[in-house]
Amino acid sequence: MNEIEARRGLPSRPAALVAFDEEEPPSRPRRHPFWKDIPDDKWNDWRWQSQHAIKTTKQLTELLTFAPDEITSLLKLESEFKTAIPPYYFSLIDPGDPYDPIRLQSCPSHMELENPSGFELEDPLEEDKDMPVPGLTHRYPDRCLIAITGVCTMYCRFCTRKRKTLTRGGWESVTADDQRMIDYIRKHTEIRDVIVSGGDPLTLNTGKLKFFLDALGEIKHVDVIRIGTRVPVTLPQRLFDQNLVDLLGSNGKVWIQTHFNHPREVTPESARACLSLLKAGCPVNNHSVLMKGSTTPSK
């Protein structure tokens, strides 16, 4: 255990997990019949997965069954909230089960048009009121959250930050607001823990992600950089890129906070991604949401 971990009461980081053998992706991963003829080299390419993500009502209705009134709701939602489901993650859905937990997480629902509470819920966690500079929420003295992109590999239907994901695309280069967030953290020496979120930080190009990791890594009073990401769950192929994994493990402060919600999301591909992170020295934690109405895990 190093000095930082002892001071923060954190468990020791894995040193070198040489006891584990490298997981190879399965030769024929599970996939929806629509993609049955896609070669494995394309299927395991995160770029191909991203480029062929399901994004429209037309695509959804060609692959899953919806009632006519549901389709009407989907068409209305299409202009209000983003949808993106990589073929890999879509293939985890049981198409015969309308209450399938993977489907509930990823496919739009008419319930997103309803607001039974009667309260404005655009910013349900009230993050914006504790935002001293654009993109940075500082609510608790020793930690802050920075939202560095509005892009995700898959848009969770229960997301509390949909207002940020409405932005189409994003800046590839470092912006003035990016620098303001770093400057704020550098000046506030009480901040020990920085949660890097979005969107999903691992959708950023490597150069921009490196800017944040290098800048935060150089700030002595920052002990932990927590990256909140669903990439190991929804697009684990992104972490087949060893250059990205090496970057995440390069400064010794990065922890991965991922988001598995159902046993079916634990696949050979996701296991390979998580193992790569552990081998690079990045502790991997998980948090989950409770999904009302989903079916029980498949046997």
Foldseek 3Di string as FASTA:
>chain_A
DDPLCVVVVHDDFQDAVVVDDFFDPDCQDQFDPVCRPPHPVLVLALVSQLVPWDWALVVVVVRAPDDPVFSVLRNVCSLPFTATAGRNLVSLFDRVDPQAPSCLFGPDGSCLVDDVVPDDQQQVVPQVVQPPAPQKHDDDQAEIEGADALAANTHTNPDSNRVQVSDDDDDLDDDPSNVVVLVVPLVRLSHAEYEYHHRFLLVHDPVVSLVVCVSLLPRVSHQAYEGEHACLQRPLSSLVPLVSLLSQLPSLRYAYEYEDAAPSSDDSSSVSSQVSNSSSRHHYHYDYDDDPRHDDHDD
